Amino acid sequence: MESGPAIFAGAVFALFGAALLGWTVTRVRHGRPVAHDVNPVASATLASLCSLTALILAAWCFSRL
């Protein structure tokens, strides 16, 4: 993999994962729903798993440099 696309993809995954994780944590701490009309525990769990997956993909992209 070329370094340019790997850096770009890694940065996108890292920014998305960090932003989603921060938003989810903030919503849960304030007792607000993460998604409307969904079980609060399920939506927080799914959002956390998606953000952690994005952060893992970012680490994988950066390891390919």
PDB file of N, CA and C in Angstrom:
ATOM      1  N   MET A   1       0.849  -1.174   0.000  1.00  0.00           N
ATOM      2  CA  MET A   1       0.000   0.000   0.000  1.00  0.00           C
ATOM      3  C   MET A   1       0.890   1.231   0.000  1.00  0.00           C
ATOM      4  N   GLU A   2       0.530   2.188  -0.830  1.00  0.00           N
ATOM      5  CA  GLU A   2       1.306   3.416  -0.875  1.00  0.00           C
ATOM      6  C   GLU A   2       1.103   4.206   0.407  1.00  0.00           C
ATOM      7  N   SER A   3       2.068   5.020   0.756  1.00  0.00           N
ATOM      8  CA  SER A   3       1.992   5.720   2.037  1.00  0.00           C
ATOM      9  C   SER A   3       0.943   6.827   2.039  1.00  0.00           C
ATOM     10  N   GLY A   4       0.728   7.500   0.920  1.00  0.00           N
ATOM     11  CA  GLY A   4      -0.252   8.585   0.871  1.00  0.00           C
ATOM     12  C   GLY A   4      -1.668   8.131   1.195  1.00  0.00           C
ATOM     13  N   PRO A   5      -2.194   7.124   0.470  1.00  0.00           N
ATOM     14  CA  PRO A   5      -3.542   6.643   0.783  1.00  0.00           C
ATOM     15  C   PRO A   5      -3.647   6.021   2.176  1.00  0.00           C
ATOM     16  N   ALA A   6      -2.577   5.385   2.640  1.00  0.00           N
ATOM     17  CA  ALA A   6      -2.616   4.786   3.974  1.00  0.00           C
ATOM     18  C   ALA A   6      -2.706   5.860   5.043  1.00  0.00           C
ATOM     19  N   ILE A   7      -1.993   6.950   4.864  1.00  0.00           N
ATOM     20  CA  ILE A   7      -2.046   8.047   5.832  1.00  0.00           C
ATOM     21  C   ILE A   7      -3.435   8.683   5.822  1.00  0.00           C
ATOM     22  N   PHE A   8      -3.978   8.917   4.612  1.00  0.00           N
ATOM     23  CA  PHE A   8      -5.296   9.529   4.505  1.00  0.00           C
ATOM     24  C   PHE A   8      -6.362   8.632   5.134  1.00  0.00           C
ATOM     25  N   ALA A   9      -6.371   7.353   4.785  1.00  0.00           N
ATOM     26  CA  ALA A   9      -7.372   6.437   5.325  1.00  0.00           C
ATOM     27  C   ALA A   9      -7.223   6.308   6.836  1.00  0.00           C
ATOM     28  N   GLY A  10      -5.999   6.211   7.314  1.00  0.00           N
ATOM     29  CA  GLY A  10      -5.770   6.113   8.752  1.00  0.00           C
ATOM     30  C   GLY A  10      -6.248   7.348   9.487  1.00  0.00           C
ATOM     31  N   ALA A  11      -6.011   8.511   8.909  1.00  0.00           N
ATOM     32  CA  ALA A  11      -6.454   9.754   9.542  1.00  0.00           C
ATOM     33  C   ALA A  11      -7.979   9.850   9.572  1.00  0.00           C
ATOM     34  N   VAL A  12      -8.621   9.444   8.478  1.00  0.00           N
ATOM     35  CA  VAL A  12     -10.089   9.475   8.435  1.00  0.00           C
ATOM     36  C   VAL A  12     -10.671   8.519   9.466  1.00  0.00           C
ATOM     37  N   PHE A  13     -10.160   7.300   9.518  1.00  0.00           N
ATOM     38  CA  PHE A  13     -10.651   6.337  10.502  1.00  0.00           C
ATOM     39  C   PHE A  13     -10.403   6.821  11.929  1.00  0.00           C
ATOM     40  N   ALA A  14      -9.230   7.390  12.178  1.00  0.00           N
ATOM     41  CA  ALA A  14      -8.901   7.857  13.524  1.00  0.00           C
ATOM     42  C   ALA A  14      -9.797   9.015  13.943  1.00  0.00           C
ATOM     43  N   LEU A  15     -10.009   9.975  13.055  1.00  0.00           N
ATOM     44  CA  LEU A  15     -10.878  11.113  13.385  1.00  0.00           C
ATOM     45  C   LEU A  15     -12.324  10.674  13.600  1.00  0.00           C
ATOM     46  N   PHE A  16     -12.823   9.811  12.734  1.00  0.00           N
ATOM     47  CA  PHE A  16     -14.193   9.340  12.878  1.00  0.00           C
ATOM     48  C   PHE A  16     -14.357   8.533  14.163  1.00  0.00           C
ATOM     49  N   GLY A  17     -13.439   7.613  14.425  1.00  0.00           N
ATOM     50  CA  GLY A  17     -13.538   6.777  15.616  1.00  0.00           C
ATOM     51  C   GLY A  17     -13.444   7.583  16.898  1.00  0.00           C
ATOM     52  N   ALA A  18     -12.523   8.541  16.931  1.00  0.00           N
ATOM     53  CA  ALA A  18     -12.371   9.367  18.134  1.00  0.00           C
ATOM     54  C   ALA A  18     -13.580  10.268  18.346  1.00  0.00           C
ATOM     55  N   ALA A  19     -14.094  10.855  17.268  1.00  0.00           N
ATOM     56  CA  ALA A  19     -15.260  11.726  17.391  1.00  0.00           C
ATOM     57  C   ALA A  19     -16.495  10.949  17.824  1.00  0.00           C
ATOM     58  N   LEU A  20     -16.709   9.783  17.229  1.00  0.00           N
ATOM     59  CA  LEU A  20     -17.869   8.973  17.600  1.00  0.00           C
ATOM     60  C   LEU A  20     -17.771   8.482  19.036  1.00  0.00           C
ATOM     61  N   LEU A  21     -16.586   8.074  19.460  1.00  0.00           N
ATOM     62  CA  LEU A  21     -16.407   7.619  20.832  1.00  0.00           C
ATOM     63  C   LEU A  21     -16.615   8.762  21.821  1.00  0.00           C
ATOM     64  N   GLY A  22     -16.075   9.922  21.510  1.00  0.00           N
ATOM     65  CA  GLY A  22     -16.271  11.079  22.385  1.00  0.00           C
ATOM     66  C   GLY A  22     -17.731  11.494  22.475  1.00  0.00           C
ATOM     67  N   TRP A  23     -18.418  11.487  21.338  1.00  0.00           N
ATOM     68  CA  TRP A  23     -19.840  11.855  21.321  1.00  0.00           C
ATOM     69  C   TRP A  23     -20.669  10.846  22.111  1.00  0.00           C
ATOM     70  N   THR A  24     -20.366   9.566  21.942  1.00  0.00           N
ATOM     71  CA  THR A  24     -21.108   8.524  22.656  1.00  0.00           C
ATOM     72  C   THR A  24     -20.894   8.637  24.159  1.00  0.00           C
ATOM     73  N   VAL A  25     -19.662   8.838  24.574  1.00  0.00           N
ATOM     74  CA  VAL A  25     -19.357   8.963  26.002  1.00  0.00           C
ATOM     75  C   VAL A  25     -20.057  10.181  26.590  1.00  0.00           C
ATOM     76  N   THR A  26     -20.047  11.285  25.859  1.00  0.00           N
ATOM     77  CA  THR A  26     -20.704  12.499  26.343  1.00  0.00           C
ATOM     78  C   THR A  26     -22.204  12.298  26.494  1.00  0.00           C
ATOM     79  N   ARG A  27     -22.824  11.653  25.498  1.00  0.00           N
ATOM     80  CA  ARG A  27     -24.268  11.416  25.561  1.00  0.00           C
ATOM     81  C   ARG A  27     -24.632  10.482  26.724  1.00  0.00           C
ATOM     82  N   VAL A  28     -23.842   9.446  26.933  1.00  0.00           N
ATOM     83  CA  VAL A  28     -24.128   8.491  28.004  1.00  0.00           C
ATOM     84  C   VAL A  28     -23.935   9.144  29.371  1.00  0.00           C
ATOM     85  N   ARG A  29     -22.889   9.940  29.531  1.00  0.00           N
ATOM     86  CA  ARG A  29     -22.643  10.601  30.827  1.00  0.00           C
ATOM     87  C   ARG A  29     -23.739  11.579  31.194  1.00  0.00           C
ATOM     88  N   HIS A  30     -24.336  12.230  30.199  1.00  0.00           N
ATOM     89  CA  HIS A  30     -25.418  13.177  30.467  1.00  0.00           C
ATOM     90  C   HIS A  30     -26.789  12.512  30.526  1.00  0.00           C
ATOM     91  N   GLY A  31     -26.820  11.211  30.314  1.00  0.00           N
ATOM     92  CA  GLY A  31     -28.081  10.489  30.369  1.00  0.00           C
ATOM     93  C   GLY A  31     -28.977  10.723  29.162  1.00  0.00           C
ATOM     94  N   ARG A  32     -28.404  11.202  28.074  1.00  0.00           N
ATOM     95  CA  ARG A  32     -29.153  11.474  26.852  1.00  0.00           C
ATOM     96  C   ARG A  32     -29.106  10.246  25.945  1.00  0.00           C
ATOM     97  N   PRO A  33     -30.093  10.068  25.081  1.00  0.00           N
ATOM     98  CA  PRO A  33     -30.068   8.902  24.182  1.00  0.00           C
ATOM     99  C   PRO A  33     -29.009   9.059  23.095  1.00  0.00           C
ATOM    100  N   VAL A  34     -28.383   7.964  22.749  1.00  0.00           N
ATOM    101  CA  VAL A  34     -27.404   7.966  21.675  1.00  0.00           C
ATOM    102  C   VAL A  34     -28.132   7.932  20.331  1.00  0.00           C
ATOM    103  N   ALA A  35     -29.238   7.195  20.259  1.00  0.00           N
ATOM    104  CA  ALA A  35     -30.091   7.141  19.066  1.00  0.00           C
ATOM    105  C   ALA A  35     -31.539   7.162  19.543  1.00  0.00           C
ATOM    106  N   HIS A  36     -32.381   7.849  18.818  1.00  0.00           N
ATOM    107  CA  HIS A  36     -33.781   7.962  19.205  1.00  0.00           C
ATOM    108  C   HIS A  36     -34.549   6.691  18.851  1.00  0.00           C
ATOM    109  N   ASP A  37     -35.518   6.345  19.694  1.00  0.00           N
ATOM    110  CA  ASP A  37     -36.407   5.191  19.509  1.00  0.00           C
ATOM    111  C   ASP A  37     -35.663   3.862  19.466  1.00  0.00           C
ATOM    112  N   VAL A  38     -34.547   3.786  20.171  1.00  0.00           N
ATOM    113  CA  VAL A  38     -33.763   2.552  20.258  1.00  0.00           C
ATOM    114  C   VAL A  38     -33.414   2.340  21.722  1.00  0.00           C
ATOM    115  N   ASN A  39     -33.241   1.082  22.104  1.00  0.00           N
ATOM    116  CA  ASN A  39     -32.823   0.751  23.464  1.00  0.00           C
ATOM    117  C   ASN A  39     -31.522   1.500  23.768  1.00  0.00           C
ATOM    118  N   PRO A  40     -31.473   2.269  24.871  1.00  0.00           N
ATOM    119  CA  PRO A  40     -30.269   3.065  25.175  1.00  0.00           C
ATOM    120  C   PRO A  40     -28.996   2.233  25.320  1.00  0.00           C
ATOM    121  N   VAL A  41     -29.113   1.071  25.930  1.00  0.00           N
ATOM    122  CA  VAL A  41     -27.919   0.231  26.109  1.00  0.00           C
ATOM    123  C   VAL A  41     -27.442  -0.306  24.767  1.00  0.00           C
ATOM    124  N   ALA A  42     -28.376  -0.730  23.935  1.00  0.00           N
ATOM    125  CA  ALA A  42     -28.006  -1.281  22.625  1.00  0.00           C
ATOM    126  C   ALA A  42     -27.377  -0.211  21.737  1.00  0.00           C
ATOM    127  N   SER A  43     -27.946   0.988  21.735  1.00  0.00           N
ATOM    128  CA  SER A  43     -27.401   2.032  20.870  1.00  0.00           C
ATOM    129  C   SER A  43     -26.024   2.486  21.351  1.00  0.00           C
ATOM    130  N   ALA A  44     -25.825   2.588  22.649  1.00  0.00           N
ATOM    131  CA  ALA A  44     -24.506   2.976  23.164  1.00  0.00           C
ATOM    132  C   ALA A  44     -23.476   1.887  22.883  1.00  0.00           C
ATOM    133  N   THR A  45     -23.886   0.638  23.002  1.00  0.00           N
ATOM    134  CA  THR A  45     -22.970  -0.472  22.731  1.00  0.00           C
ATOM    135  C   THR A  45     -22.589  -0.509  21.263  1.00  0.00           C
ATOM    136  N   LEU A  46     -23.567  -0.373  20.383  1.00  0.00           N
ATOM    137  CA  LEU A  46     -23.280  -0.414  18.954  1.00  0.00           C
ATOM    138  C   LEU A  46     -22.408   0.767  18.524  1.00  0.00           C
ATOM    139  N   ALA A  47     -22.685   1.948  19.031  1.00  0.00           N
ATOM    140  CA  ALA A  47     -21.870   3.113  18.693  1.00  0.00           C
ATOM    141  C   ALA A  47     -20.441   2.942  19.209  1.00  0.00           C
ATOM    142  N   SER A  48     -20.293   2.384  20.399  1.00  0.00           N
ATOM    143  CA  SER A  48     -18.947   2.152  20.946  1.00  0.00           C
ATOM    144  C   SER A  48     -18.186   1.124  20.123  1.00  0.00           C
ATOM    145  N   LEU A  49     -18.860   0.067  19.712  1.00  0.00           N
ATOM    146  CA  LEU A  49     -18.201  -0.953  18.894  1.00  0.00           C
ATOM    147  C   LEU A  49     -17.788  -0.396  17.531  1.00  0.00           C
ATOM    148  N   CYS A  50     -18.630   0.424  16.941  1.00  0.00           N
ATOM    149  CA  CYS A  50     -18.281   1.042  15.651  1.00  0.00           C
ATOM    150  C   CYS A  50     -17.093   1.981  15.795  1.00  0.00           C
ATOM    151  N   SER A  51     -17.055   2.745  16.869  1.00  0.00           N
ATOM    152  CA  SER A  51     -15.930   3.660  17.055  1.00  0.00           C
ATOM    153  C   SER A  51     -14.637   2.898  17.336  1.00  0.00           C
ATOM    154  N   LEU A  52     -14.716   1.853  18.114  1.00  0.00           N
ATOM    155  CA  LEU A  52     -13.507   1.059  18.373  1.00  0.00           C
ATOM    156  C   LEU A  52     -13.031   0.342  17.116  1.00  0.00           C
ATOM    157  N   THR A  53     -13.963  -0.109  16.283  1.00  0.00           N
ATOM    158  CA  THR A  53     -13.592  -0.725  15.014  1.00  0.00           C
ATOM    159  C   THR A  53     -12.873   0.280  14.119  1.00  0.00           C
ATOM    160  N   ALA A  54     -13.373   1.507  14.075  1.00  0.00           N
ATOM    161  CA  ALA A  54     -12.716   2.544  13.272  1.00  0.00           C
ATOM    162  C   ALA A  54     -11.317   2.840  13.807  1.00  0.00           C
ATOM    163  N   LEU A  55     -11.156   2.872  15.115  1.00  0.00           N
ATOM    164  CA  LEU A  55      -9.830   3.126  15.690  1.00  0.00           C
ATOM    165  C   LEU A  55      -8.865   1.967  15.419  1.00  0.00           C
ATOM    166  N   ILE A  56      -9.376   0.755  15.428  1.00  0.00           N
ATOM    167  CA  ILE A  56      -8.536  -0.410  15.099  1.00  0.00           C
ATOM    168  C   ILE A  56      -8.127  -0.360  13.629  1.00  0.00           C
ATOM    169  N   LEU A  57      -9.062   0.011  12.757  1.00  0.00           N
ATOM    170  CA  LEU A  57      -8.722   0.146  11.337  1.00  0.00           C
ATOM    171  C   LEU A  57      -7.692   1.253  11.120  1.00  0.00           C
ATOM    172  N   ALA A  58      -7.792   2.331  11.885  1.00  0.00           N
ATOM    173  CA  ALA A  58      -6.803   3.407  11.783  1.00  0.00           C
ATOM    174  C   ALA A  58      -5.423   2.898  12.185  1.00  0.00           C
ATOM    175  N   ALA A  59      -5.364   2.149  13.258  1.00  0.00           N
ATOM    176  CA  ALA A  59      -4.080   1.589  13.693  1.00  0.00           C
ATOM    177  C   ALA A  59      -3.526   0.637  12.641  1.00  0.00           C
ATOM    178  N   TRP A  60      -4.402  -0.142  12.013  1.00  0.00           N
ATOM    179  CA  TRP A  60      -3.957  -1.063  10.977  1.00  0.00           C
ATOM    180  C   TRP A  60      -3.411  -0.301   9.770  1.00  0.00           C
ATOM    181  N   CYS A  61      -4.108   0.762   9.368  1.00  0.00           N
ATOM    182  CA  CYS A  61      -3.636   1.571   8.241  1.00  0.00           C
ATOM    183  C   CYS A  61      -2.280   2.200   8.546  1.00  0.00           C
ATOM    184  N   PHE A  62      -2.118   2.712   9.757  1.00  0.00           N
ATOM    185  CA  PHE A  62      -0.843   3.327  10.118  1.00  0.00           C
ATOM    186  C   PHE A  62       0.268   2.300  10.256  1.00  0.00           C
ATOM    187  N   SER A  63      -0.069   1.058  10.563  1.00  0.00           N
ATOM    188  CA  SER A  63       0.959   0.025  10.670  1.00  0.00           C
ATOM    189  C   SER A  63       1.451  -0.425   9.304  1.00  0.00           C
ATOM    190  N   ARG A  64       0.712  -0.099   8.249  1.00  0.00           N
ATOM    191  CA  ARG A  64       1.094  -0.493   6.889  1.00  0.00           C
ATOM    192  C   ARG A  64       2.059   0.485   6.234  1.00  0.00           C
ATOM    193  N   LEU A  65       2.433   1.547   6.951  1.00  0.00           N
ATOM    194  CA  LEU A  65       3.358   2.520   6.362  1.00  0.00           C
ATOM    195  C   LEU A  65       4.695   1.934   6.244  1.00  0.00           C
TER     196      LEU A  65
END
